[in-house]
Amino acid sequence: MADPASRPNILFFHVDNLGMGEPGCYGGGVVRGAPTTRIDRFAREGLQLWHYIAEPQCTPSRSALLTGRHAIRSGTHSVPTGGQTGGLVAWERTLGDILSESGYATACFGKWHLGSEDGRWATDHGFDEFYGPPRSYTESLWPDDPWYDEARDPHCHMLEGRKDEPMRELTDCQMTRDVRRDVDLQYSRRAKEFLRRSADTETPFFLYYNHSLMHMPTDPRNEFKGKSGNGDWADCLLELDADFGELLDTLTELHLAEDTIVVFAGDNGPEEQLLWRGTSGVFEGSYFSSSEGGLRTPCLIRWPGIVAPDRVSNEMVHQVDMFTTLLAWAGLGVPSDRAIDGIDQRAFFQGEQETSNREGCLVWVRDRLHGVKWRNFKVMYVRQMRYDDELHTLGTPRVINLHTDPKEREHHNPEHLHTWITAHTRPLVQAFEDSLQREPLIPPGAPLDYVPTAEP
C-alpha cells in the first residue's frame, strides 16, 4: 500500500440527469442556449469519453459507481418511491469505505440516494461528512402542490452529518423550490472548505460532489436568472458550467490541480419531464430507459501528466469501471470477497493503449435485463426508448449497429444481419448467471445486516 501522502486526490463531479447533447464539447452548449466554456476547456485538458455507460436511474447509477457492482446485485436497481425504505446494506463496500480506511479524507455533498435511514447514509459508508437531501429534488415541488398539507403530509428537509454521529435534519431548511434553487451554493461552499482543510493538513482526499443540475426543477439562481437570454434551462446550464469552473479554480489556488484526478460525469441520460426536458444529442431517448440516450452520458477525465490531454474516444467504459480504476490509481485493490463488475481501465485512460479493456456490458433497467452491448452493437430483448414508453418485449432479439443507426430507429434486423453478434454477447450473460451461483442477488428492501450467501 502506497504512503497516503503520495496518493492522488480524487474529485468526482457528478452531474444529475446530464444528457449527451448538453455540454458544448458534446455538440450542445450554444446549441442548447448557453456556452459551456469551462467544461469545454476541461475536456481539452484530458480524455473525453463518448461511450461512457451508466445505469439509467439515479439510485442504481450511484450504487454502481460507488460499489463497482451492477445495482441489481445490491438491491438498488430502482429509485425508491412512495415511502419505500432500503438502500445499500452494511455489507456493501463503497469507494468512501475503502478510501477512508486507507487514509483519505472523504466528503459527499449533494444527492446520496442510496438509503435514507440510520445505517445507510453516506456517513455510514465511509464518508467523513455529508450535506444534501434525504432523497431527491422532486420533493421540492411538494409545498407548491395545492393538495399538500403541511400539518399532515411528509416534509423533506436538508440533512448534514459526520461519521460516527447521528444524521441531523435541518428543521429550518425545508426543501422548497427556493432552497432547491440555491442548494449548489451550499455544496460549493462546503466543498471548498473541505478542499482547504485537506490542503492544510496535506491529506489525500476523495470529494464526491453531486451537483443538483440538470435534475428537475431547473430553476436558476438569481445571479444566473436571464443571463443566457434563452430561458431558465439555458441559465441553469451556465450555472452548472460556472460552478464546475469554480471548483477547478479552487484546486489551482490551493496548488492541488497537478495531484488531483478530476472526473466530470453524468449519472444517467437526460431529464424527460416536459418543462425541464434535456437532450441526448446524436442519440435518442431519456433516463429510465435502455436507449443509448438513457445509458450514455458525458464523461471527462483529467490527471495532469498521467492522462494525456486532447484525447477523444468512443471506446466503451462502464460506470462500474470507475470504482476499480480509481482504487487502482490510489494504490488499492478491489474487495476479493464479492462479485465486482468493474474493470481496471488505467492503461486505456493513460493512453498506453487506444482500446478499452471492456468490449461489452449488460443493460439493466430496474430488475430486468433489456439487452447486451458489445462494441458498437446492441442485442436487445426489450425495447424502451424513453422514461414513459411502454416496454415491448421483442419476439426475437434485435441487433442494432450503433454506427449506422445511432438513434435506434430500425425495429427489426434487416435481412438478419449481425445475428452473429450473439456469439459475443451470450457469454457475458452466462458469466453473470454463473456469478449468481456464488453470490445471490441482494433483494430490494433487504435489512441492513443482510449478507448474500450462496446455498451449499
Protein backbone atom coordinates (compact mmCIF):
# COMPACT_ATOMS: atom_id res chain seq x y z
CA MET A 1 0.00 0.00 0.00
CA ALA A 2 1.37 3.39 -1.00
CA ASP A 3 2.07 6.16 1.50
CA PRO A 4 -1.20 8.19 1.74
CA ALA A 5 0.76 11.43 1.23
CA SER A 6 1.89 10.21 -2.20
CA ARG A 7 -1.54 9.18 -3.45
CA PRO A 8 -3.59 11.23 -5.89
CA ASN A 9 -6.55 13.23 -4.70
CA ILE A 10 -9.90 12.43 -6.33
CA LEU A 11 -12.67 14.85 -7.21
CA PHE A 12 -15.68 13.16 -8.79
CA PHE A 13 -18.05 15.86 -10.06
CA HIS A 14 -21.33 14.02 -10.61
CA VAL A 15 -24.00 15.83 -12.67
CA ASP A 16 -27.65 14.87 -12.29
CA ASN A 17 -29.56 13.84 -15.45
CA LEU A 18 -26.98 15.14 -17.91
CA GLY A 19 -27.80 14.20 -21.49
CA MET A 20 -25.13 13.63 -24.13
CA GLY A 21 -26.32 16.71 -26.01
CA GLU A 22 -25.85 19.30 -23.24
CA PRO A 23 -22.19 20.46 -23.00
CA GLY A 24 -20.62 22.22 -25.97
CA CYS A 25 -17.89 19.59 -26.29
CA TYR A 26 -20.62 17.02 -26.98
CA GLY A 27 -22.45 19.13 -29.54
CA GLY A 28 -24.55 21.18 -27.14
CA GLY A 29 -23.56 24.39 -25.40
CA VAL A 30 -24.63 27.28 -27.63
CA VAL A 31 -26.97 24.90 -29.45
CA ARG A 32 -28.75 24.49 -26.11
CA GLY A 33 -28.79 28.22 -25.50
CA ALA A 34 -25.67 28.67 -23.37
CA PRO A 35 -21.92 28.20 -23.91
CA THR A 36 -20.19 25.77 -21.54
CA THR A 37 -16.79 27.43 -21.62
CA ARG A 38 -15.24 25.81 -18.55
CA ILE A 39 -16.49 22.30 -19.27
CA ASP A 40 -15.27 22.53 -22.87
CA ARG A 41 -11.82 23.76 -21.81
CA PHE A 42 -11.62 20.96 -19.26
CA ALA A 43 -12.47 18.42 -21.98
CA ARG A 44 -9.37 19.51 -23.92
CA GLU A 45 -7.20 19.00 -20.84
CA GLY A 46 -7.79 15.27 -20.62
CA LEU A 47 -9.79 12.34 -22.01
CA GLN A 48 -13.28 12.79 -23.41
CA LEU A 49 -15.38 9.63 -23.49
CA TRP A 50 -18.30 9.25 -25.88
CA HIS A 51 -19.23 5.72 -24.85
CA TYR A 52 -19.48 6.03 -21.08
CA ILE A 53 -22.36 3.80 -19.96
CA ALA A 54 -24.32 4.47 -16.78
CA GLU A 55 -27.19 2.64 -15.16
CA PRO A 56 -30.15 4.75 -16.28
CA GLN A 57 -31.68 5.84 -12.95
CA CYS A 58 -30.26 7.93 -10.11
CA THR A 59 -30.17 5.25 -7.40
CA PRO A 60 -28.74 2.37 -9.47
CA SER A 61 -26.29 4.77 -11.10
CA ARG A 62 -24.84 5.88 -7.79
CA SER A 63 -24.81 2.33 -6.47
CA ALA A 64 -22.87 1.05 -9.49
CA LEU A 65 -20.35 3.88 -9.36
CA LEU A 66 -19.63 3.58 -5.65
CA THR A 67 -19.56 -0.23 -5.36
CA GLY A 68 -18.23 -1.31 -8.77
CA ARG A 69 -21.20 -3.70 -8.97
CA HIS A 70 -24.30 -3.70 -11.12
CA ALA A 71 -27.05 -2.27 -8.93
CA ILE A 72 -29.19 -5.37 -9.38
CA ARG A 73 -26.62 -7.21 -7.26
CA SER A 74 -27.08 -4.73 -4.42
CA GLY A 75 -30.88 -4.50 -4.29
CA THR A 76 -30.65 -0.89 -5.51
CA HIS A 77 -31.81 -1.34 -9.10
CA SER A 78 -34.65 1.21 -8.86
CA VAL A 79 -35.29 4.65 -7.43
CA PRO A 80 -37.32 4.14 -4.22
CA THR A 81 -40.74 5.79 -4.38
CA GLY A 82 -43.88 6.01 -2.28
CA GLY A 83 -42.18 5.82 1.10
CA GLN A 84 -40.11 2.74 0.25
CA THR A 85 -37.18 2.02 2.54
CA GLY A 86 -33.99 0.19 1.73
CA GLY A 87 -30.71 1.13 0.12
CA LEU A 88 -27.20 -0.23 0.49
CA VAL A 89 -26.83 -2.89 3.14
CA ALA A 90 -23.95 -2.60 5.61
CA TRP A 91 -22.09 -5.43 3.83
CA GLU A 92 -21.56 -3.35 0.68
CA ARG A 93 -18.18 -1.66 0.30
CA THR A 94 -18.07 1.77 -1.34
CA LEU A 95 -15.30 3.98 -2.64
CA GLY A 96 -15.87 6.02 0.51
CA ASP A 97 -15.33 2.99 2.75
CA ILE A 98 -12.14 1.82 1.07
CA LEU A 99 -10.50 5.21 0.55
CA SER A 100 -11.34 6.38 4.06
CA GLU A 101 -9.86 3.25 5.62
CA SER A 102 -6.64 3.84 3.68
CA GLY A 103 -6.15 7.39 4.97
CA TYR A 104 -8.21 9.57 2.64
CA ALA A 105 -10.36 12.44 3.85
CA THR A 106 -13.79 11.88 2.32
CA ALA A 107 -16.83 14.08 1.75
CA CYS A 108 -20.14 13.63 -0.04
CA PHE A 109 -22.10 16.75 -0.92
CA GLY A 110 -25.41 16.58 -2.78
CA LYS A 111 -27.70 13.70 -3.51
CA TRP A 112 -26.73 10.37 -1.94
CA HIS A 113 -29.95 8.46 -2.81
CA LEU A 114 -28.69 5.10 -1.53
CA GLY A 115 -30.68 4.90 1.68
CA SER A 116 -32.44 7.38 3.95
CA GLU A 117 -32.28 5.74 7.35
CA ASP A 118 -29.69 5.07 10.04
CA GLY A 119 -27.01 2.69 8.85
CA ARG A 120 -27.48 3.56 5.19
CA TRP A 121 -26.33 7.18 4.97
CA ALA A 122 -23.16 8.29 3.21
CA THR A 123 -21.54 8.71 6.63
CA ASP A 124 -22.27 5.02 7.28
CA HIS A 125 -20.36 4.13 4.12
CA GLY A 126 -17.01 5.78 4.62
CA PHE A 127 -17.70 9.48 4.16
CA ASP A 128 -16.44 11.79 6.89
CA GLU A 129 -19.12 14.37 6.16
CA PHE A 130 -22.34 14.75 4.21
CA TYR A 131 -24.71 17.54 3.28
CA GLY A 132 -27.68 17.01 0.97
CA PRO A 133 -31.32 15.96 0.66
CA PRO A 134 -32.56 12.67 2.12
CA ARG A 135 -33.70 11.53 -1.30
CA SER A 136 -34.13 13.68 -4.42
CA TYR A 137 -35.10 17.12 -5.71
CA THR A 138 -38.60 16.28 -6.92
CA GLU A 139 -39.66 16.65 -3.28
CA SER A 140 -39.02 20.41 -3.54
CA LEU A 141 -42.29 20.53 -5.52
CA TRP A 142 -44.36 19.19 -2.62
CA PRO A 143 -45.09 22.52 -0.88
CA ASP A 144 -46.40 24.01 -4.16
CA ASP A 145 -48.97 21.25 -4.58
CA PRO A 146 -52.42 22.67 -3.68
CA TRP A 147 -53.36 19.28 -2.18
CA TYR A 148 -50.27 19.17 0.04
CA ASP A 149 -50.99 19.69 3.74
CA GLU A 150 -48.03 20.92 5.82
CA ALA A 151 -49.59 19.58 9.01
CA ARG A 152 -50.40 16.11 7.68
CA ASP A 153 -48.08 15.20 4.82
CA PRO A 154 -44.35 14.30 4.89
CA HIS A 155 -41.70 17.00 4.89
CA CYS A 156 -38.33 16.97 3.18
CA HIS A 157 -35.54 18.83 4.98
CA MET A 158 -31.89 19.13 4.09
CA LEU A 159 -29.53 16.99 6.15
CA GLU A 160 -25.98 17.19 7.40
CA GLY A 161 -23.90 14.65 9.21
CA ARG A 162 -20.47 13.41 10.17
CA LYS A 163 -19.07 9.92 10.51
CA ASP A 164 -19.97 8.22 13.80
CA GLU A 165 -22.59 10.87 14.57
CA PRO A 166 -26.38 10.77 14.03
CA MET A 167 -27.62 12.37 10.82
CA ARG A 168 -29.12 15.79 11.58
CA GLU A 169 -32.30 17.01 9.93
CA LEU A 170 -32.12 20.78 9.41
CA THR A 171 -35.64 21.62 10.50
CA ASP A 172 -35.19 25.26 9.48
CA CYS A 173 -34.29 24.21 5.93
CA GLN A 174 -37.28 22.54 4.29
CA MET A 175 -36.54 21.76 0.66
CA THR A 176 -38.79 24.21 -1.15
CA ARG A 177 -38.27 25.44 -4.71
CA ASP A 178 -36.22 28.35 -3.31
CA VAL A 179 -33.97 26.09 -1.24
CA ARG A 180 -33.55 23.69 -4.15
CA ARG A 181 -32.68 26.62 -6.45
CA ASP A 182 -29.80 27.76 -4.22
CA VAL A 183 -28.65 24.38 -2.90
CA ASP A 184 -25.47 24.24 -5.01
CA LEU A 185 -24.18 27.34 -3.24
CA GLN A 186 -24.11 25.27 -0.07
CA TYR A 187 -22.46 22.34 -1.84
CA SER A 188 -19.79 24.61 -3.32
CA ARG A 189 -19.09 26.39 -0.03
CA ARG A 190 -18.70 23.15 1.87
CA ALA A 191 -16.63 21.58 -0.91
CA LYS A 192 -14.17 24.48 -0.93
CA GLU A 193 -13.84 24.33 2.86
CA PHE A 194 -13.17 20.58 2.61
CA LEU A 195 -10.51 21.14 -0.06
CA ARG A 196 -8.79 23.83 2.02
CA ARG A 197 -8.73 21.62 5.13
CA SER A 198 -7.29 18.75 3.13
CA ALA A 199 -4.62 21.02 1.63
CA ASP A 200 -3.71 22.47 5.05
CA THR A 201 -3.27 19.01 6.58
CA GLU A 202 -1.69 17.53 3.42
CA THR A 203 -4.25 14.73 3.50
CA PRO A 204 -5.26 12.96 0.27
CA PHE A 205 -8.96 13.45 -0.36
CA PHE A 206 -11.95 11.99 -2.13
CA LEU A 207 -14.56 14.66 -2.83
CA TYR A 208 -17.78 13.15 -4.18
CA TYR A 209 -19.61 16.26 -5.39
CA ASN A 210 -23.15 15.65 -6.64
CA HIS A 211 -24.35 18.79 -8.40
CA SER A 212 -28.13 19.18 -8.42
CA LEU A 213 -28.42 20.20 -12.06
CA MET A 214 -29.75 19.25 -14.52
CA HIS A 215 -32.36 17.49 -12.39
CA MET A 216 -35.87 18.91 -12.39
CA PRO A 217 -36.94 21.53 -11.46
CA THR A 218 -34.30 23.57 -13.28
CA ASP A 219 -34.60 26.90 -11.50
CA PRO A 220 -31.52 29.11 -11.97
CA ARG A 221 -30.07 31.03 -9.07
CA ASN A 222 -30.73 34.76 -9.09
CA GLU A 223 -27.28 35.65 -10.43
CA PHE A 224 -27.93 33.44 -13.46
CA LYS A 225 -31.60 34.25 -14.00
CA GLY A 226 -31.95 35.71 -17.52
CA LYS A 227 -28.18 35.60 -18.11
CA SER A 228 -28.33 33.37 -21.19
CA GLY A 229 -31.30 35.14 -22.73
CA ASN A 230 -32.66 31.72 -23.61
CA GLY A 231 -34.79 30.79 -20.63
CA ASP A 232 -34.33 29.03 -17.30
CA TRP A 233 -32.93 25.80 -18.68
CA ALA A 234 -30.11 27.55 -20.54
CA ASP A 235 -29.47 29.75 -17.50
CA CYS A 236 -29.02 26.56 -15.46
CA LEU A 237 -26.52 25.22 -17.99
CA LEU A 238 -24.48 28.40 -17.50
CA GLU A 239 -24.75 27.90 -13.74
CA LEU A 240 -23.53 24.31 -13.92
CA ASP A 241 -20.56 25.39 -16.04
CA ALA A 242 -19.66 28.20 -13.64
CA ASP A 243 -19.91 26.02 -10.53
CA PHE A 244 -17.63 23.39 -12.03
CA GLY A 245 -15.17 26.09 -13.06
CA GLU A 246 -15.09 27.49 -9.51
CA LEU A 247 -14.07 24.13 -8.09
CA LEU A 248 -11.31 23.80 -10.70
CA ASP A 249 -10.10 27.29 -9.79
CA THR A 250 -10.03 26.28 -6.10
CA LEU A 251 -7.82 23.30 -6.92
CA THR A 252 -5.45 25.62 -8.77
CA GLU A 253 -5.47 28.21 -5.98
CA LEU A 254 -4.58 25.52 -3.43
CA HIS A 255 -1.85 24.04 -5.69
CA LEU A 256 -3.77 20.77 -5.85
CA ALA A 257 -4.58 20.56 -9.56
CA GLU A 258 -1.48 18.60 -10.57
CA ASP A 259 -2.08 15.92 -7.95
CA THR A 260 -5.84 15.55 -8.38
CA ILE A 261 -7.79 13.18 -10.60
CA VAL A 262 -10.90 15.09 -11.67
CA VAL A 263 -13.80 13.25 -13.27
CA PHE A 264 -16.75 15.19 -14.67
CA ALA A 265 -19.58 12.77 -15.46
CA GLY A 266 -23.34 12.47 -15.62
CA ASP A 267 -25.25 9.91 -13.60
CA ASN A 268 -27.56 8.86 -16.46
CA GLY A 269 -29.31 10.22 -19.53
CA PRO A 270 -31.36 13.41 -19.73
CA GLU A 271 -34.42 14.64 -17.92
CA GLU A 272 -37.66 13.80 -19.76
CA GLN A 273 -40.27 15.86 -17.91
CA LEU A 274 -41.55 18.39 -20.44
CA LEU A 275 -40.92 21.66 -18.60
CA TRP A 276 -37.32 20.66 -17.83
CA ARG A 277 -36.52 18.27 -20.69
CA GLY A 278 -32.90 17.66 -21.67
CA THR A 279 -31.43 16.14 -24.81
CA SER A 280 -29.35 13.10 -25.66
CA GLY A 281 -27.82 14.79 -28.71
CA VAL A 282 -26.78 12.45 -31.50
CA PHE A 283 -28.51 9.60 -29.68
CA GLU A 284 -32.17 9.14 -28.75
CA GLY A 285 -34.05 8.55 -25.53
CA SER A 286 -34.11 9.57 -21.88
CA TYR A 287 -33.23 8.32 -18.43
CA PHE A 288 -35.09 5.27 -17.01
CA SER A 289 -34.73 3.53 -20.38
CA SER A 290 -32.37 1.22 -22.24
CA SER A 291 -31.93 3.55 -25.21
CA GLU A 292 -28.45 4.93 -25.85
CA GLY A 293 -29.81 8.28 -24.74
CA GLY A 294 -30.68 6.76 -21.38
CA LEU A 295 -27.41 4.89 -20.97
CA ARG A 296 -24.79 7.27 -22.33
CA THR A 297 -23.79 10.43 -20.51
CA PRO A 298 -20.76 12.74 -20.79
CA CYS A 299 -17.58 11.72 -19.01
CA LEU A 300 -14.34 13.73 -18.91
CA ILE A 301 -11.17 12.70 -17.04
CA ARG A 302 -8.16 14.86 -16.19
CA TRP A 303 -4.99 13.96 -14.32
CA PRO A 304 -2.06 16.12 -15.47
CA GLY A 305 0.96 14.10 -16.50
CA ILE A 306 -0.91 10.79 -16.35
CA VAL A 307 -3.98 11.22 -18.59
CA ALA A 308 -2.86 12.81 -21.84
CA PRO A 309 -4.73 15.94 -22.97
CA ASP A 310 -6.82 16.30 -26.11
CA ARG A 311 -7.91 12.66 -26.40
CA VAL A 312 -11.39 11.77 -27.61
CA SER A 313 -12.62 8.18 -27.68
CA ASN A 314 -15.73 6.17 -28.48
CA GLU A 315 -14.37 3.10 -26.67
CA MET A 316 -16.80 1.60 -24.16
CA VAL A 317 -16.38 2.30 -20.46
CA HIS A 318 -18.99 1.36 -17.88
CA GLN A 319 -19.68 3.31 -14.72
CA VAL A 320 -18.58 0.34 -12.59
CA ASP A 321 -15.10 0.64 -14.12
CA MET A 322 -14.58 3.94 -12.29
CA PHE A 323 -14.65 2.11 -8.96
CA THR A 324 -11.92 -0.32 -9.96
CA THR A 325 -9.78 2.23 -11.80
CA LEU A 326 -9.87 4.95 -9.16
CA LEU A 327 -8.91 2.45 -6.46
CA ALA A 328 -6.06 1.16 -8.62
CA TRP A 329 -4.81 4.71 -9.20
CA ALA A 330 -4.88 5.18 -5.41
CA GLY A 331 -2.74 2.06 -5.00
CA LEU A 332 -5.61 -0.01 -3.65
CA GLY A 333 -7.25 -3.22 -4.74
CA VAL A 334 -10.92 -4.10 -5.06
CA PRO A 335 -12.61 -6.36 -2.48
CA SER A 336 -11.96 -10.03 -3.23
CA ASP A 337 -14.88 -11.44 -1.26
CA ARG A 338 -17.67 -10.39 -3.62
CA ALA A 339 -18.56 -10.05 -7.31
CA ILE A 340 -17.04 -6.90 -8.80
CA ASP A 341 -18.15 -5.92 -12.29
CA GLY A 342 -15.72 -3.01 -12.76
CA ILE A 343 -12.66 -3.39 -14.98
CA ASP A 344 -9.32 -1.64 -14.48
CA GLN A 345 -9.09 0.98 -17.26
CA ARG A 346 -5.78 2.61 -16.28
CA ALA A 347 -3.88 1.53 -19.39
CA PHE A 348 -6.63 2.92 -21.63
CA PHE A 349 -7.14 6.14 -19.68
CA GLN A 350 -3.38 6.76 -19.56
CA GLY A 351 -3.03 6.35 -23.34
CA GLU A 352 -0.87 3.24 -23.12
CA GLN A 353 -3.43 1.59 -25.41
CA GLU A 354 -6.09 3.02 -27.70
CA THR A 355 -8.68 0.39 -26.84
CA SER A 356 -10.74 -0.01 -23.70
CA ASN A 357 -10.35 -3.13 -21.60
CA ARG A 358 -14.11 -3.57 -21.91
CA GLU A 359 -15.80 -4.88 -25.08
CA GLY A 360 -19.31 -5.32 -23.73
CA CYS A 361 -21.71 -4.89 -20.84
CA LEU A 362 -25.16 -5.93 -19.67
CA VAL A 363 -28.00 -3.41 -19.90
CA TRP A 364 -30.18 -3.49 -16.80
CA VAL A 365 -33.25 -1.34 -16.28
CA ARG A 366 -34.72 -1.92 -12.85
CA ASP A 367 -34.62 -5.69 -12.32
CA ARG A 368 -34.87 -6.64 -15.97
CA LEU A 369 -32.13 -7.40 -18.48
CA HIS A 370 -33.06 -5.29 -21.52
CA GLY A 371 -30.07 -6.27 -23.62
CA VAL A 372 -26.34 -6.64 -24.01
CA LYS A 373 -23.87 -4.26 -25.63
CA TRP A 374 -20.78 -5.42 -27.50
CA ARG A 375 -18.51 -2.88 -29.14
CA ASN A 376 -20.75 -0.79 -31.43
CA PHE A 377 -23.64 -3.28 -31.32
CA LYS A 378 -26.61 -3.85 -29.03
CA VAL A 379 -28.59 -7.07 -28.76
CA MET A 380 -31.92 -6.01 -27.28
CA TYR A 381 -34.62 -8.20 -25.76
CA VAL A 382 -36.81 -5.28 -24.66
CA ARG A 383 -37.49 -2.01 -26.44
CA GLN A 384 -37.92 1.15 -24.39
CA MET A 385 -36.68 4.50 -25.67
CA ARG A 386 -37.98 6.97 -23.10
CA TYR A 387 -38.97 7.21 -19.48
CA ASP A 388 -42.71 6.87 -20.05
CA ASP A 389 -42.65 4.48 -23.03
CA GLU A 390 -44.43 1.18 -22.68
CA LEU A 391 -41.98 -1.72 -22.58
CA HIS A 392 -42.10 -4.00 -25.62
CA THR A 393 -40.74 -7.49 -25.15
CA LEU A 394 -39.31 -8.47 -28.53
CA GLY A 395 -40.23 -11.82 -30.05
CA THR A 396 -36.67 -12.26 -31.27
CA PRO A 397 -33.65 -10.28 -30.10
CA ARG A 398 -32.99 -7.17 -32.14
CA VAL A 399 -29.41 -6.39 -33.14
CA ILE A 400 -28.55 -2.70 -33.57
CA ASN A 401 -25.41 -1.36 -35.21
CA LEU A 402 -24.94 1.97 -33.42
CA HIS A 403 -22.55 3.25 -36.07
CA THR A 404 -25.21 3.05 -38.77
CA ASP A 405 -28.30 3.51 -36.58
CA PRO A 406 -27.29 5.66 -33.57
CA LYS A 407 -30.91 6.66 -32.91
CA GLU A 408 -32.06 3.02 -32.94
CA ARG A 409 -34.82 3.66 -35.48
CA GLU A 410 -34.88 0.23 -37.13
CA HIS A 411 -37.42 -2.01 -35.44
CA HIS A 412 -36.16 -5.22 -36.99
CA ASN A 413 -32.98 -6.88 -38.14
CA PRO A 414 -32.81 -6.19 -41.88
CA GLU A 415 -32.17 -9.47 -43.64
CA HIS A 416 -30.96 -10.90 -40.31
CA LEU A 417 -27.68 -9.02 -40.48
CA HIS A 418 -25.42 -9.04 -37.43
CA THR A 419 -27.02 -12.04 -35.70
CA TRP A 420 -23.51 -13.46 -35.27
CA ILE A 421 -23.09 -10.86 -32.52
CA THR A 422 -24.83 -13.18 -30.07
CA ALA A 423 -21.72 -15.35 -30.07
CA HIS A 424 -20.07 -12.47 -28.20
CA THR A 425 -22.98 -11.32 -26.05
CA ARG A 426 -24.24 -14.66 -24.78
CA PRO A 427 -21.02 -15.41 -22.82
CA LEU A 428 -21.45 -12.09 -20.98
CA VAL A 429 -24.93 -13.12 -19.86
CA GLN A 430 -23.71 -16.60 -18.94
CA ALA A 431 -20.86 -15.20 -16.84
CA PHE A 432 -23.32 -13.07 -14.88
CA GLU A 433 -25.66 -16.01 -14.36
CA ASP A 434 -22.74 -18.17 -13.20
CA SER A 435 -21.76 -15.48 -10.68
CA LEU A 436 -25.19 -15.76 -9.05
CA GLN A 437 -24.40 -19.35 -8.07
CA ARG A 438 -21.54 -17.99 -5.98
CA GLU A 439 -23.28 -14.86 -4.72
CA PRO A 440 -27.06 -14.41 -4.97
CA LEU A 441 -28.68 -11.05 -5.54
CA ILE A 442 -29.46 -8.86 -2.55
CA PRO A 443 -33.24 -8.29 -2.63
CA PRO A 444 -34.57 -4.71 -2.66
CA GLY A 445 -35.50 -3.61 0.83
CA ALA A 446 -33.17 -6.14 2.43
CA PRO A 447 -32.50 -5.50 6.14
CA LEU A 448 -29.37 -3.56 6.98
CA ASP A 449 -27.49 -6.63 8.23
CA TYR A 450 -28.28 -8.77 5.19
CA VAL A 451 -25.35 -10.72 3.72
CA PRO A 452 -25.72 -12.57 0.39
CA THR A 453 -24.85 -16.21 0.93
CA ALA A 454 -24.95 -18.96 -1.66
CA GLU A 455 -26.79 -22.10 -0.62
CA PRO A 456 -24.49 -25.12 -0.19
